[in-house]
Amino acid sequence: MERFFRSLKTEKLYRENYATKTAALLGIAEYIEDFYNPKRLHSALGNLSPMMFEAKQPCLTL
């Protein structure tokens, strides 16, 4: 998680000047969507995307 925040700061926040709080929040949301791309393949998930990995998991009910 610390790596994520370091990347967020150095790749997004320190490189842009936001005129409003809303603009900053939108910029952060955009970065998070790109960083946690649900279609990108992950070696830890057997080279599946998070969406594909979750689809293969059995449904759990409580």
PDB file of N, CA and C in Angstrom:
ATOM      1  N   MET A   1       0.827  -1.194   0.000  1.00  0.00           N
ATOM      2  CA  MET A   1       0.000   0.000   0.000  1.00  0.00           C
ATOM      3  C   MET A   1       0.871   1.258   0.000  1.00  0.00           C
ATOM      4  N   GLU A   2       1.992   1.210   0.707  1.00  0.00           N
ATOM      5  CA  GLU A   2       2.884   2.372   0.722  1.00  0.00           C
ATOM      6  C   GLU A   2       3.400   2.670  -0.677  1.00  0.00           C
ATOM      7  N   ARG A   3       3.666   1.627  -1.442  1.00  0.00           N
ATOM      8  CA  ARG A   3       4.147   1.796  -2.812  1.00  0.00           C
ATOM      9  C   ARG A   3       3.098   2.508  -3.655  1.00  0.00           C
ATOM     10  N   PHE A   4       1.844   2.169  -3.453  1.00  0.00           N
ATOM     11  CA  PHE A   4       0.766   2.821  -4.195  1.00  0.00           C
ATOM     12  C   PHE A   4       0.752   4.320  -3.919  1.00  0.00           C
ATOM     13  N   PHE A   5       0.815   4.699  -2.635  1.00  0.00           N
ATOM     14  CA  PHE A   5       0.754   6.121  -2.299  1.00  0.00           C
ATOM     15  C   PHE A   5       1.988   6.865  -2.802  1.00  0.00           C
ATOM     16  N   ARG A   6       3.154   6.213  -2.779  1.00  0.00           N
ATOM     17  CA  ARG A   6       4.347   6.852  -3.322  1.00  0.00           C
ATOM     18  C   ARG A   6       4.166   7.093  -4.818  1.00  0.00           C
ATOM     19  N   SER A   7       3.640   6.082  -5.517  1.00  0.00           N
ATOM     20  CA  SER A   7       3.407   6.238  -6.953  1.00  0.00           C
ATOM     21  C   SER A   7       2.372   7.323  -7.228  1.00  0.00           C
ATOM     22  N   LEU A   8       1.316   7.349  -6.452  1.00  0.00           N
ATOM     23  CA  LEU A   8       0.279   8.371  -6.622  1.00  0.00           C
ATOM     24  C   LEU A   8       0.876   9.767  -6.480  1.00  0.00           C
ATOM     25  N   LYS A   9       1.690   9.957  -5.461  1.00  0.00           N
ATOM     26  CA  LYS A   9       2.290  11.275  -5.230  1.00  0.00           C
ATOM     27  C   LYS A   9       3.247  11.665  -6.347  1.00  0.00           C
ATOM     28  N   THR A  10       4.183  10.750  -6.685  1.00  0.00           N
ATOM     29  CA  THR A  10       5.220  11.116  -7.650  1.00  0.00           C
ATOM     30  C   THR A  10       4.729  11.132  -9.091  1.00  0.00           C
ATOM     31  N   GLU A  11       3.784  10.269  -9.426  1.00  0.00           N
ATOM     32  CA  GLU A  11       3.323  10.198 -10.807  1.00  0.00           C
ATOM     33  C   GLU A  11       2.139  11.114 -11.105  1.00  0.00           C
ATOM     34  N   LYS A  12       1.409  11.529 -10.082  1.00  0.00           N
ATOM     35  CA  LYS A  12       0.203  12.325 -10.334  1.00  0.00           C
ATOM     36  C   LYS A  12       0.207  13.651  -9.571  1.00  0.00           C
ATOM     37  N   LEU A  13       0.227  13.584  -8.252  1.00  0.00           N
ATOM     38  CA  LEU A  13       0.006  14.789  -7.452  1.00  0.00           C
ATOM     39  C   LEU A  13       1.118  15.827  -7.586  1.00  0.00           C
ATOM     40  N   TYR A  14       2.378  15.389  -7.594  1.00  0.00           N
ATOM     41  CA  TYR A  14       3.483  16.343  -7.666  1.00  0.00           C
ATOM     42  C   TYR A  14       3.668  16.929  -9.058  1.00  0.00           C
ATOM     43  N   ARG A  15       3.040  16.346 -10.055  1.00  0.00           N
ATOM     44  CA  ARG A  15       3.217  16.802 -11.435  1.00  0.00           C
ATOM     45  C   ARG A  15       2.115  17.738 -11.914  1.00  0.00           C
ATOM     46  N   GLU A  16       1.064  17.884 -11.130  1.00  0.00           N
ATOM     47  CA  GLU A  16      -0.063  18.696 -11.579  1.00  0.00           C
ATOM     48  C   GLU A  16      -0.462  19.715 -10.523  1.00  0.00           C
ATOM     49  N   ASN A  17      -0.990  20.828 -10.984  1.00  0.00           N
ATOM     50  CA  ASN A  17      -1.559  21.841 -10.097  1.00  0.00           C
ATOM     51  C   ASN A  17      -3.068  21.831 -10.299  1.00  0.00           C
ATOM     52  N   TYR A  18      -3.774  21.562  -9.240  1.00  0.00           N
ATOM     53  CA  TYR A  18      -5.231  21.482  -9.315  1.00  0.00           C
ATOM     54  C   TYR A  18      -5.843  22.797  -8.837  1.00  0.00           C
ATOM     55  N   ALA A  19      -6.777  23.306  -9.607  1.00  0.00           N
ATOM     56  CA  ALA A  19      -7.418  24.577  -9.278  1.00  0.00           C
ATOM     57  C   ALA A  19      -8.418  24.427  -8.139  1.00  0.00           C
ATOM     58  N   THR A  20      -9.041  23.256  -8.046  1.00  0.00           N
ATOM     59  CA  THR A  20     -10.055  23.042  -7.017  1.00  0.00           C
ATOM     60  C   THR A  20      -9.873  21.667  -6.383  1.00  0.00           C
ATOM     61  N   LYS A  21     -10.516  21.493  -5.257  1.00  0.00           N
ATOM     62  CA  LYS A  21     -10.496  20.191  -4.586  1.00  0.00           C
ATOM     63  C   LYS A  21     -11.168  19.140  -5.470  1.00  0.00           C
ATOM     64  N   THR A  22     -12.235  19.526  -6.137  1.00  0.00           N
ATOM     65  CA  THR A  22     -12.947  18.607  -7.026  1.00  0.00           C
ATOM     66  C   THR A  22     -12.044  18.137  -8.159  1.00  0.00           C
ATOM     67  N   ALA A  23     -11.276  19.056  -8.734  1.00  0.00           N
ATOM     68  CA  ALA A  23     -10.354  18.688  -9.809  1.00  0.00           C
ATOM     69  C   ALA A  23      -9.298  17.709  -9.301  1.00  0.00           C
ATOM     70  N   ALA A  24      -8.814  17.927  -8.094  1.00  0.00           N
ATOM     71  CA  ALA A  24      -7.831  17.017  -7.503  1.00  0.00           C
ATOM     72  C   ALA A  24      -8.435  15.637  -7.284  1.00  0.00           C
ATOM     73  N   LEU A  25      -9.642  15.595  -6.762  1.00  0.00           N
ATOM     74  CA  LEU A  25     -10.302  14.310  -6.519  1.00  0.00           C
ATOM     75  C   LEU A  25     -10.546  13.554  -7.821  1.00  0.00           C
ATOM     76  N   LEU A  26     -10.928  14.266  -8.860  1.00  0.00           N
ATOM     77  CA  LEU A  26     -11.138  13.627 -10.164  1.00  0.00           C
ATOM     78  C   LEU A  26      -9.820  13.096 -10.732  1.00  0.00           C
ATOM     79  N   GLY A  27      -8.755  13.859 -10.556  1.00  0.00           N
ATOM     80  CA  GLY A  27      -7.440  13.414 -11.016  1.00  0.00           C
ATOM     81  C   GLY A  27      -6.977  12.168 -10.280  1.00  0.00           C
ATOM     82  N   ILE A  28      -7.206  12.140  -8.972  1.00  0.00           N
ATOM     83  CA  ILE A  28      -6.837  10.970  -8.171  1.00  0.00           C
ATOM     84  C   ILE A  28      -7.672   9.762  -8.583  1.00  0.00           C
ATOM     85  N   ALA A  29      -8.961   9.959  -8.782  1.00  0.00           N
ATOM     86  CA  ALA A  29      -9.838   8.858  -9.200  1.00  0.00           C
ATOM     87  C   ALA A  29      -9.388   8.295 -10.545  1.00  0.00           C
ATOM     88  N   GLU A  30      -9.011   9.174 -11.452  1.00  0.00           N
ATOM     89  CA  GLU A  30      -8.534   8.738 -12.766  1.00  0.00           C
ATOM     90  C   GLU A  30      -7.259   7.908 -12.624  1.00  0.00           C
ATOM     91  N   TYR A  31      -6.351   8.367 -11.779  1.00  0.00           N
ATOM     92  CA  TYR A  31      -5.103   7.632 -11.558  1.00  0.00           C
ATOM     93  C   TYR A  31      -5.384   6.245 -10.983  1.00  0.00           C
ATOM     94  N   ILE A  32      -6.280   6.178 -10.014  1.00  0.00           N
ATOM     95  CA  ILE A  32      -6.604   4.898  -9.381  1.00  0.00           C
ATOM     96  C   ILE A  32      -7.203   3.943 -10.409  1.00  0.00           C
ATOM     97  N   GLU A  33      -8.078   4.445 -11.263  1.00  0.00           N
ATOM     98  CA  GLU A  33      -8.672   3.593 -12.299  1.00  0.00           C
ATOM     99  C   GLU A  33      -7.597   3.032 -13.224  1.00  0.00           C
ATOM    100  N   ASP A  34      -6.604   3.858 -13.565  1.00  0.00           N
ATOM    101  CA  ASP A  34      -5.519   3.394 -14.428  1.00  0.00           C
ATOM    102  C   ASP A  34      -4.598   2.433 -13.689  1.00  0.00           C
ATOM    103  N   PHE A  35      -4.297   2.742 -12.420  1.00  0.00           N
ATOM    104  CA  PHE A  35      -3.375   1.931 -11.623  1.00  0.00           C
ATOM    105  C   PHE A  35      -3.960   0.554 -11.363  1.00  0.00           C
ATOM    106  N   TYR A  36      -5.217   0.509 -11.023  1.00  0.00           N
ATOM    107  CA  TYR A  36      -5.897  -0.747 -10.741  1.00  0.00           C
ATOM    108  C   TYR A  36      -6.739  -1.184 -11.928  1.00  0.00           C
ATOM    109  N   ASN A  37      -6.135  -1.177 -13.083  1.00  0.00           N
ATOM    110  CA  ASN A  37      -6.816  -1.560 -14.312  1.00  0.00           C
ATOM    111  C   ASN A  37      -7.347  -2.984 -14.178  1.00  0.00           C
ATOM    112  N   PRO A  38      -8.670  -3.165 -14.183  1.00  0.00           N
ATOM    113  CA  PRO A  38      -9.230  -4.503 -13.989  1.00  0.00           C
ATOM    114  C   PRO A  38      -9.011  -5.440 -15.172  1.00  0.00           C
ATOM    115  N   LYS A  39      -8.508  -4.919 -16.290  1.00  0.00           N
ATOM    116  CA  LYS A  39      -8.281  -5.751 -17.470  1.00  0.00           C
ATOM    117  C   LYS A  39      -6.813  -6.162 -17.633  1.00  0.00           C
ATOM    118  N   ARG A  40      -5.909  -5.505 -16.867  1.00  0.00           N
ATOM    119  CA  ARG A  40      -4.481  -5.802 -16.980  1.00  0.00           C
ATOM    120  C   ARG A  40      -4.195  -7.176 -16.392  1.00  0.00           C
ATOM    121  N   LEU A  41      -3.343  -7.953 -17.058  1.00  0.00           N
ATOM    122  CA  LEU A  41      -2.995  -9.287 -16.580  1.00  0.00           C
ATOM    123  C   LEU A  41      -2.035  -9.181 -15.396  1.00  0.00           C
ATOM    124  N   HIS A  42      -2.215 -10.052 -14.418  1.00  0.00           N
ATOM    125  CA  HIS A  42      -1.384 -10.065 -13.214  1.00  0.00           C
ATOM    126  C   HIS A  42      -0.744 -11.440 -13.061  1.00  0.00           C
ATOM    127  N   SER A  43       0.572 -11.470 -12.927  1.00  0.00           N
ATOM    128  CA  SER A  43       1.251 -12.760 -12.781  1.00  0.00           C
ATOM    129  C   SER A  43       0.834 -13.468 -11.499  1.00  0.00           C
ATOM    130  N   ALA A  44       0.521 -12.726 -10.452  1.00  0.00           N
ATOM    131  CA  ALA A  44       0.097 -13.331  -9.184  1.00  0.00           C
ATOM    132  C   ALA A  44      -1.263 -14.015  -9.306  1.00  0.00           C
ATOM    133  N   LEU A  45      -2.009 -13.689 -10.353  1.00  0.00           N
ATOM    134  CA  LEU A  45      -3.327 -14.295 -10.564  1.00  0.00           C
ATOM    135  C   LEU A  45      -3.291 -15.325 -11.688  1.00  0.00           C
ATOM    136  N   GLY A  46      -2.104 -15.864 -11.950  1.00  0.00           N
ATOM    137  CA  GLY A  46      -1.991 -16.848 -13.029  1.00  0.00           C
ATOM    138  C   GLY A  46      -2.116 -16.218 -14.400  1.00  0.00           C
ATOM    139  N   ASN A  47      -1.630 -14.989 -14.542  1.00  0.00           N
ATOM    140  CA  ASN A  47      -1.712 -14.217 -15.783  1.00  0.00           C
ATOM    141  C   ASN A  47      -3.144 -14.005 -16.251  1.00  0.00           C
ATOM    142  N   LEU A  48      -4.030 -13.824 -15.292  1.00  0.00           N
ATOM    143  CA  LEU A  48      -5.416 -13.453 -15.571  1.00  0.00           C
ATOM    144  C   LEU A  48      -5.627 -12.015 -15.132  1.00  0.00           C
ATOM    145  N   SER A  49      -6.611 -11.383 -15.720  1.00  0.00           N
ATOM    146  CA  SER A  49      -6.992 -10.056 -15.238  1.00  0.00           C
ATOM    147  C   SER A  49      -7.794 -10.246 -13.955  1.00  0.00           C
ATOM    148  N   PRO A  50      -7.880  -9.219 -13.112  1.00  0.00           N
ATOM    149  CA  PRO A  50      -8.702  -9.353 -11.911  1.00  0.00           C
ATOM    150  C   PRO A  50     -10.147  -9.744 -12.229  1.00  0.00           C
ATOM    151  N   MET A  51     -10.690  -9.210 -13.319  1.00  0.00           N
ATOM    152  CA  MET A  51     -12.064  -9.544 -13.696  1.00  0.00           C
ATOM    153  C   MET A  51     -12.192 -11.024 -14.058  1.00  0.00           C
ATOM    154  N   MET A  52     -11.224 -11.541 -14.827  1.00  0.00           N
ATOM    155  CA  MET A  52     -11.260 -12.946 -15.219  1.00  0.00           C
ATOM    156  C   MET A  52     -11.052 -13.853 -14.006  1.00  0.00           C
ATOM    157  N   PHE A  53     -10.133 -13.454 -13.123  1.00  0.00           N
ATOM    158  CA  PHE A  53      -9.864 -14.249 -11.925  1.00  0.00           C
ATOM    159  C   PHE A  53     -11.106 -14.355 -11.050  1.00  0.00           C
ATOM    160  N   GLU A  54     -11.763 -13.236 -10.817  1.00  0.00           N
ATOM    161  CA  GLU A  54     -12.968 -13.239  -9.981  1.00  0.00           C
ATOM    162  C   GLU A  54     -14.094 -14.044 -10.626  1.00  0.00           C
ATOM    163  N   ALA A  55     -14.190 -13.997 -11.942  1.00  0.00           N
ATOM    164  CA  ALA A  55     -15.244 -14.742 -12.630  1.00  0.00           C
ATOM    165  C   ALA A  55     -15.055 -16.253 -12.483  1.00  0.00           C
ATOM    166  N   LYS A  56     -13.803 -16.693 -12.337  1.00  0.00           N
ATOM    167  CA  LYS A  56     -13.526 -18.122 -12.207  1.00  0.00           C
ATOM    168  C   LYS A  56     -13.730 -18.639 -10.785  1.00  0.00           C
ATOM    169  N   GLN A  57     -13.847 -17.727  -9.818  1.00  0.00           N
ATOM    170  CA  GLN A  57     -13.995 -18.140  -8.426  1.00  0.00           C
ATOM    171  C   GLN A  57     -15.428 -18.584  -8.163  1.00  0.00           C
ATOM    172  N   PRO A  58     -15.579 -19.631  -7.342  1.00  0.00           N
ATOM    173  CA  PRO A  58     -16.950 -20.045  -7.005  1.00  0.00           C
ATOM    174  C   PRO A  58     -17.635 -18.980  -6.151  1.00  0.00           C
ATOM    175  N   CYS A  59     -18.918 -18.865  -6.317  1.00  0.00           N
ATOM    176  CA  CYS A  59     -19.688 -17.900  -5.530  1.00  0.00           C
ATOM    177  C   CYS A  59     -19.787 -18.396  -4.092  1.00  0.00           C
ATOM    178  N   LEU A  60     -19.568 -17.495  -3.176  1.00  0.00           N
ATOM    179  CA  LEU A  60     -19.677 -17.826  -1.761  1.00  0.00           C
ATOM    180  C   LEU A  60     -20.926 -17.176  -1.198  1.00  0.00           C
ATOM    181  N   THR A  61     -21.640 -17.894  -0.388  1.00  0.00           N
ATOM    182  CA  THR A  61     -22.806 -17.316   0.270  1.00  0.00           C
ATOM    183  C   THR A  61     -22.608 -17.406   1.766  1.00  0.00           C
ATOM    184  N   LEU A  62     -23.140 -16.455   2.449  1.00  0.00           N
ATOM    185  CA  LEU A  62     -23.036 -16.435   3.908  1.00  0.00           C
ATOM    186  C   LEU A  62     -24.339 -16.823   4.532  1.00  0.00           C
TER     187      LEU A  62
END
